């Protein structure tokens, strides 16, 4: 995609300038040549349940437990087992409460203000690509566990569960035309219909550009189970400056002083070098930040489309949770989503 198409949000001239910057940034890893996998026809849920535990994300000294279970409900749902009588929270754009202030993350809430779950992106992103349509995620608090292997523990737990088909068709949606939302920092995200209507798939072109050792990274790939699992080890990245902030001034804030982040479960980058070893190298260059951004952050917002699995193309540059969620909201406000019509 070389043109932003219809602009749903943001300044047109700024978006065009950012498009030029991204188009001039080289692609570090292009996997778009992989053959398109056929779309599934029947919905699935888990064949059995599986439970895993880990230290809390926002309360790092507390162990948190999460159970993945089959469900008759359609979509992905969170059930706060510590709040008896509360209804499950659907992973849907209508339930997004905030994308955080000091710590950027997607928070879902439904009904009672206490019935919320923070940092859901590393879980719901897996709705895209793993072939699981209906899932109940039982959590014992609003603070899901944080794992040293990124979301690989979650992927492996879901694989242990296996899947079973449900006699309901899988729903797929796309956009009527290329649409773009732009932010305030030279960031944008574009969604477009699939290139090949006869063999539709979800293709991502994602670029990041940090003023740290992370620098510029760009990847192009189709969303499919093998690549989602590979990328699931990618950790949240942060700068050395933010680490120092959290250890000093950040102690004044409740959300910061008990963060479960450490040198094993986040990637830390200084101005010129990484503080810890980055992951997902390709041809001598670590691409952990790009993979995390594309799969575990951006696809989480795409997974918040409740009407079906999105199929088409996504182009993202320097964007984050706030813009991702704004884009999904704009799709509904402007009625841009339509059912996918597969053509032969």
Protein backbone atom coordinates (compact mmCIF):
# COMPACT_ATOMS: atom_id res chain seq x y z
CA UNK A 1 0.00 0.00 0.00
CA UNK A 2 1.46 3.33 -1.07
CA UNK A 3 -1.57 5.54 -0.35
CA UNK A 4 -3.55 5.99 2.89
CA UNK A 5 -6.89 6.00 1.11
CA UNK A 6 -9.79 7.46 3.08
CA UNK A 7 -8.64 9.26 6.23
CA UNK A 8 -10.93 8.55 9.17
CA UNK A 9 -8.90 10.42 11.75
CA UNK A 10 -5.82 12.67 11.84
CA UNK A 11 -4.12 15.29 9.68
CA UNK A 12 -3.91 14.34 6.01
CA UNK A 13 -0.62 16.10 5.31
CA UNK A 14 1.05 14.59 8.38
CA UNK A 15 -0.16 11.12 7.37
CA UNK A 16 1.19 11.57 3.83
CA UNK A 17 4.57 12.61 5.26
CA UNK A 18 4.63 9.54 7.52
CA UNK A 19 3.65 7.34 4.58
CA UNK A 20 6.67 8.63 2.71
CA UNK A 21 8.93 7.92 5.68
CA UNK A 22 7.67 4.35 6.04
CA UNK A 23 7.84 3.65 2.29
CA UNK A 24 11.49 4.78 2.36
CA UNK A 25 12.28 2.47 5.30
CA UNK A 26 13.64 -0.88 4.09
CA UNK A 27 11.87 -4.14 4.94
CA UNK A 28 14.04 -6.25 7.25
CA UNK A 29 12.07 -9.48 6.86
CA UNK A 30 9.53 -10.13 4.12
CA UNK A 31 7.43 -13.28 4.56
CA UNK A 32 4.62 -12.24 2.23
CA UNK A 33 5.61 -14.92 -0.29
CA UNK A 34 4.31 -17.72 1.91
CA UNK A 35 1.32 -19.46 0.26
CA UNK A 36 -2.09 -18.31 1.51
CA UNK A 37 -3.74 -20.75 3.90
CA UNK A 38 -7.42 -21.52 3.24
CA UNK A 39 -9.91 -19.81 5.56
CA UNK A 40 -11.61 -22.05 8.09
CA UNK A 41 -15.34 -22.66 7.69
CA UNK A 42 -16.44 -23.95 11.13
CA UNK A 43 -16.01 -22.19 14.47
CA UNK A 44 -13.92 -23.81 17.17
CA UNK A 45 -13.55 -23.82 20.94
CA UNK A 46 -11.13 -25.65 23.22
CA UNK A 47 -11.37 -29.39 23.67
CA UNK A 48 -10.37 -29.15 27.35
CA UNK A 49 -9.18 -26.64 29.96
CA UNK A 50 -5.63 -25.73 30.96
CA UNK A 51 -4.32 -23.57 33.83
CA UNK A 52 -1.05 -21.63 34.07
CA UNK A 53 0.36 -19.24 36.66
CA UNK A 54 2.92 -16.46 36.87
CA UNK A 55 3.77 -13.26 38.73
CA UNK A 56 1.31 -10.42 38.26
CA UNK A 57 1.96 -7.72 35.69
CA UNK A 58 1.07 -4.81 37.97
CA UNK A 59 1.61 -6.69 41.24
CA UNK A 60 4.84 -8.52 40.54
CA UNK A 61 5.15 -10.10 43.98
CA UNK A 62 1.74 -11.80 43.75
CA UNK A 63 1.20 -15.02 41.80
CA UNK A 64 -1.69 -14.89 39.36
CA UNK A 65 -3.54 -17.83 37.81
CA UNK A 66 -5.26 -17.99 34.46
CA UNK A 67 -7.41 -20.81 33.08
CA UNK A 68 -8.34 -21.30 29.43
CA UNK A 69 -11.66 -23.11 29.05
CA UNK A 70 -14.17 -24.13 26.36
CA UNK A 71 -17.31 -22.01 26.06
CA UNK A 72 -20.65 -21.99 24.26
CA UNK A 73 -20.35 -18.18 24.00
CA UNK A 74 -19.25 -16.72 20.69
CA UNK A 75 -15.96 -14.84 20.88
CA UNK A 76 -13.25 -14.47 23.54
CA UNK A 77 -14.36 -13.69 27.10
CA UNK A 78 -12.74 -12.89 30.46
CA UNK A 79 -14.29 -14.18 33.69
CA UNK A 80 -13.13 -12.62 36.98
CA UNK A 81 -13.43 -15.64 39.29
CA UNK A 82 -12.66 -13.40 42.27
CA UNK A 83 -15.81 -11.35 41.60
CA UNK A 84 -18.77 -13.75 42.03
CA UNK A 85 -21.88 -12.54 40.24
CA UNK A 86 -20.01 -10.46 37.67
CA UNK A 87 -20.74 -11.21 34.03
CA UNK A 88 -17.90 -12.26 31.72
CA UNK A 89 -16.23 -9.43 29.78
CA UNK A 90 -16.17 -9.88 26.02
CA UNK A 91 -12.99 -8.94 24.18
CA UNK A 92 -14.66 -6.24 22.07
CA UNK A 93 -13.97 -2.60 21.23
CA UNK A 94 -17.16 -1.57 23.06
CA UNK A 95 -15.62 -2.82 26.33
CA UNK A 96 -12.31 -0.93 26.07
CA UNK A 97 -12.10 1.24 29.17
CA UNK A 98 -8.69 2.84 28.66
CA UNK A 99 -5.34 2.28 26.97
CA UNK A 100 -3.41 3.43 30.02
CA UNK A 101 -1.60 6.57 30.99
CA UNK A 102 1.80 5.83 32.50
CA UNK A 103 1.82 2.17 31.43
CA UNK A 104 0.39 1.72 27.92
CA UNK A 105 -1.97 -1.26 27.82
CA UNK A 106 -5.50 -2.21 26.84
CA UNK A 107 -7.96 -2.42 29.75
CA UNK A 108 -11.35 -4.07 29.26
CA UNK A 109 -14.29 -3.44 31.58
CA UNK A 110 -17.96 -4.40 31.65
CA UNK A 111 -20.68 -3.22 34.04
CA UNK A 112 -19.28 -2.84 37.56
CA UNK A 113 -16.18 -0.56 37.57
CA UNK A 114 -14.35 -3.29 39.51
CA UNK A 115 -15.05 -5.83 36.75
CA UNK A 116 -12.00 -5.06 34.61
CA UNK A 117 -8.91 -6.82 33.25
CA UNK A 118 -5.69 -4.92 32.48
CA UNK A 119 -2.91 -5.71 30.00
CA UNK A 120 -5.20 -7.96 27.93
CA UNK A 121 -3.41 -7.36 24.63
CA UNK A 122 -0.92 -10.21 25.02
CA UNK A 123 -3.84 -12.60 25.44
CA UNK A 124 -6.53 -11.42 23.02
CA UNK A 125 -4.02 -10.88 20.21
CA UNK A 126 -3.82 -14.67 19.95
CA UNK A 127 -7.40 -14.75 18.71
CA UNK A 128 -5.84 -13.72 15.41
CA UNK A 129 -4.03 -16.62 13.84
CA UNK A 130 -4.36 -19.57 16.23
CA UNK A 131 -7.71 -20.82 14.94
CA UNK A 132 -9.61 -20.55 18.24
CA UNK A 133 -12.90 -18.68 17.82
CA UNK A 134 -14.60 -19.14 21.19
CA UNK A 135 -12.70 -19.07 24.48
CA UNK A 136 -13.36 -18.37 28.15
CA UNK A 137 -10.35 -16.95 30.02
CA UNK A 138 -10.77 -17.28 33.79
CA UNK A 139 -8.58 -14.90 35.81
CA UNK A 140 -8.31 -14.61 39.58
CA UNK A 141 -7.78 -10.83 39.49
CA UNK A 142 -7.77 -7.91 37.08
CA UNK A 143 -3.99 -8.33 36.77
CA UNK A 144 -3.05 -11.20 34.41
CA UNK A 145 0.28 -12.98 34.90
CA UNK A 146 3.45 -11.83 33.18
CA UNK A 147 5.72 -14.46 31.66
CA UNK A 148 9.43 -14.40 30.83
CA UNK A 149 8.72 -16.02 27.44
CA UNK A 150 6.32 -13.31 26.34
CA UNK A 151 3.06 -15.06 25.38
CA UNK A 152 4.65 -18.39 24.44
CA UNK A 153 3.40 -19.94 27.71
CA UNK A 154 -0.13 -18.98 26.66
CA UNK A 155 0.29 -20.40 23.15
CA UNK A 156 1.64 -23.69 24.52
CA UNK A 157 -1.20 -23.94 27.04
CA UNK A 158 -3.76 -23.43 24.27
CA UNK A 159 -2.02 -26.08 22.16
CA UNK A 160 -2.32 -28.55 25.05
CA UNK A 161 -6.07 -27.92 25.16
CA UNK A 162 -6.63 -28.78 21.52
CA UNK A 163 -9.72 -27.59 19.65
CA UNK A 164 -13.11 -28.95 18.69
CA UNK A 165 -15.38 -27.71 15.92
CA UNK A 166 -18.75 -26.08 16.56
CA UNK A 167 -21.59 -26.26 14.07
CA UNK A 168 -21.49 -22.51 13.41
CA UNK A 169 -19.78 -20.81 10.47
CA UNK A 170 -16.72 -18.64 11.02
CA UNK A 171 -17.51 -15.01 10.23
CA UNK A 172 -15.01 -12.90 8.30
CA UNK A 173 -15.04 -9.14 7.79
CA UNK A 174 -12.99 -6.63 5.84
CA UNK A 175 -13.20 -2.95 4.90
CA UNK A 176 -14.96 -1.46 1.89
CA UNK A 177 -11.88 0.57 0.93
CA UNK A 178 -8.43 1.50 2.29
CA UNK A 179 -8.90 3.58 5.45
CA UNK A 180 -6.36 5.29 7.70
CA UNK A 181 -6.21 6.75 11.19
CA UNK A 182 -3.32 9.06 12.06
CA UNK A 183 -1.99 10.08 15.46
CA UNK A 184 -0.03 12.99 16.87
CA UNK A 185 3.47 11.53 16.64
CA UNK A 186 3.84 10.73 12.96
CA UNK A 187 2.05 7.43 13.60
CA UNK A 188 -0.66 5.86 11.47
CA UNK A 189 -2.48 2.62 10.81
CA UNK A 190 -4.17 1.67 7.53
CA UNK A 191 -6.60 -1.16 6.88
CA UNK A 192 -7.43 -2.29 3.33
CA UNK A 193 -9.32 -5.09 1.56
CA UNK A 194 -7.37 -8.24 0.62
CA UNK A 195 -5.23 -8.19 -2.53
CA UNK A 196 -6.52 -11.53 -3.81
CA UNK A 197 -10.30 -11.98 -3.25
CA UNK A 198 -10.00 -15.59 -4.43
CA UNK A 199 -7.42 -16.41 -1.71
CA UNK A 200 -8.05 -13.86 1.05
CA UNK A 201 -5.79 -13.62 4.08
CA UNK A 202 -4.57 -11.11 6.64
CA UNK A 203 -1.26 -9.52 5.60
CA UNK A 204 0.64 -7.13 7.91
CA UNK A 205 3.28 -4.52 7.04
CA UNK A 206 4.55 -3.08 10.32
CA UNK A 207 7.37 -0.63 11.02
CA UNK A 208 8.74 0.87 14.22
CA UNK A 209 11.24 3.70 14.62
CA UNK A 210 12.72 4.31 18.09
CA UNK A 211 15.43 6.82 19.15
CA UNK A 212 17.21 3.97 20.96
CA UNK A 213 19.19 0.88 20.04
CA UNK A 214 15.94 -0.58 18.67
CA UNK A 215 16.07 1.92 15.81
CA UNK A 216 14.16 1.18 12.63
CA UNK A 217 12.56 -2.24 12.14
CA UNK A 218 10.08 -3.35 9.50
CA UNK A 219 8.47 -6.72 8.85
CA UNK A 220 5.88 -7.98 6.34
CA UNK A 221 4.06 -11.25 7.05
CA UNK A 222 0.76 -13.13 6.76
CA UNK A 223 -1.05 -13.88 10.03
CA UNK A 224 -0.94 -17.65 10.50
CA UNK A 225 -0.35 -20.03 13.44
CA UNK A 226 3.33 -20.78 12.81
CA UNK A 227 4.34 -17.11 12.67
CA UNK A 228 2.10 -16.08 15.57
CA UNK A 229 3.73 -18.74 17.74
CA UNK A 230 7.21 -17.66 16.62
CA UNK A 231 6.44 -14.03 17.48
CA UNK A 232 4.82 -14.86 20.82
CA UNK A 233 8.24 -14.81 22.56
CA UNK A 234 8.62 -11.10 21.76
CA UNK A 235 8.58 -9.03 24.94
CA UNK A 236 7.35 -5.53 25.63
CA UNK A 237 10.20 -3.11 24.96
CA UNK A 238 11.16 -0.14 27.06
CA UNK A 239 13.95 2.39 27.21
CA UNK A 240 16.64 2.62 29.86
CA UNK A 241 15.24 6.06 30.70
CA UNK A 242 11.85 4.58 31.56
CA UNK A 243 13.49 1.91 33.70
CA UNK A 244 15.26 4.64 35.69
CA UNK A 245 11.99 6.61 35.91
CA UNK A 246 10.13 3.58 37.28
CA UNK A 247 12.84 3.00 39.88
CA UNK A 248 12.75 6.63 41.07
CA UNK A 249 9.85 9.03 40.43
CA UNK A 250 7.62 6.15 39.37
CA UNK A 251 7.60 4.86 42.94
CA UNK A 252 5.10 7.63 43.67
CA UNK A 253 2.45 5.92 41.52
CA UNK A 254 0.64 2.75 42.54
CA UNK A 255 0.65 1.32 39.00
CA UNK A 256 4.42 1.71 38.79
CA UNK A 257 5.88 0.82 42.16
CA UNK A 258 4.66 -2.80 42.02
CA UNK A 259 5.26 -3.51 38.30
CA UNK A 260 6.41 -7.05 37.65
CA UNK A 261 8.82 -6.01 34.89
CA UNK A 262 12.42 -7.26 35.08
CA UNK A 263 15.37 -7.85 32.75
CA UNK A 264 13.96 -11.24 31.72
CA UNK A 265 10.36 -10.37 30.82
CA UNK A 266 10.92 -7.01 29.05
CA UNK A 267 13.42 -5.89 26.43
CA UNK A 268 15.43 -2.86 27.59
CA UNK A 269 17.21 -0.63 25.10
CA UNK A 270 19.66 2.17 25.80
CA UNK A 271 20.57 4.87 23.31
CA UNK A 272 23.25 2.80 21.59
CA UNK A 273 22.90 -0.77 22.86
CA UNK A 274 20.49 -3.21 24.44
CA UNK A 275 20.75 -3.71 28.20
CA UNK A 276 19.61 -7.31 27.85
CA UNK A 277 19.74 -9.70 24.89
CA UNK A 278 17.06 -8.99 22.26
CA UNK A 279 15.15 -11.82 20.57
CA UNK A 280 13.99 -12.83 17.11
CA UNK A 281 17.12 -11.99 15.08
CA UNK A 282 17.05 -12.16 11.29
CA UNK A 283 20.18 -11.73 9.19
CA UNK A 284 22.05 -10.32 12.17
CA UNK A 285 19.38 -7.81 13.25
CA UNK A 286 17.08 -8.31 16.24
CA UNK A 287 13.45 -7.68 15.28
CA UNK A 288 11.82 -8.34 18.63
CA UNK A 289 10.29 -4.86 18.89
CA UNK A 290 8.65 -5.07 15.45
CA UNK A 291 7.26 -8.56 16.10
CA UNK A 292 5.92 -7.56 19.49
CA UNK A 293 4.33 -4.44 18.08
CA UNK A 294 2.76 -6.26 15.11
CA UNK A 295 1.53 -9.48 16.71
CA UNK A 296 1.08 -8.94 20.45
CA UNK A 297 -0.02 -5.28 20.38
CA UNK A 298 -1.58 -4.32 17.05
CA UNK A 299 -3.37 -7.61 16.40
CA UNK A 300 -4.90 -7.31 19.87
CA UNK A 301 -6.89 -4.29 18.67
CA UNK A 302 -7.87 -6.12 15.47
CA UNK A 303 -9.08 -8.98 17.69
CA UNK A 304 -11.46 -6.53 19.37
CA UNK A 305 -13.65 -6.55 16.26
CA UNK A 306 -16.52 -8.71 17.58
CA UNK A 307 -18.33 -9.24 14.27
CA UNK A 308 -15.78 -11.61 12.77
CA UNK A 309 -12.12 -12.20 11.97
CA UNK A 310 -10.62 -9.36 9.94
CA UNK A 311 -9.18 -10.29 6.53
CA UNK A 312 -7.24 -7.87 4.37
CA UNK A 313 -4.09 -5.75 4.70
CA UNK A 314 -2.75 -3.72 7.60
CA UNK A 315 -0.02 -1.11 7.38
CA UNK A 316 1.24 0.35 10.66
CA UNK A 317 3.95 2.91 11.41
CA UNK A 318 5.05 3.98 14.90
CA UNK A 319 1.55 3.38 16.26
CA UNK A 320 0.46 2.18 19.71
CA UNK A 321 -2.54 0.97 21.68
CA UNK A 322 -4.38 4.30 21.71
CA UNK A 323 -4.31 4.73 17.95
CA UNK A 324 -5.02 1.04 17.33
CA UNK A 325 -8.20 1.18 19.41
CA UNK A 326 -9.22 4.52 17.91
CA UNK A 327 -8.96 2.97 14.46
CA UNK A 328 -11.29 0.10 15.40
CA UNK A 329 -13.74 2.59 16.90
CA UNK A 330 -13.61 4.69 13.71
CA UNK A 331 -14.41 1.61 11.62
CA UNK A 332 -17.72 1.33 13.45
CA UNK A 333 -18.46 5.05 13.59
CA UNK A 334 -17.96 5.29 9.82
CA UNK A 335 -19.55 1.91 9.03
CA UNK A 336 -16.52 0.77 7.10
CA UNK A 337 -16.62 -2.91 8.08
CA UNK A 338 -18.38 -5.30 5.72
CA UNK A 339 -18.72 -9.10 5.51
CA UNK A 340 -15.98 -10.72 3.45
CA UNK A 341 -17.19 -11.99 0.10
CA UNK A 342 -14.84 -14.64 -1.20
CA UNK A 343 -14.61 -14.64 -4.98
CA UNK A 344 -13.52 -17.51 -7.16
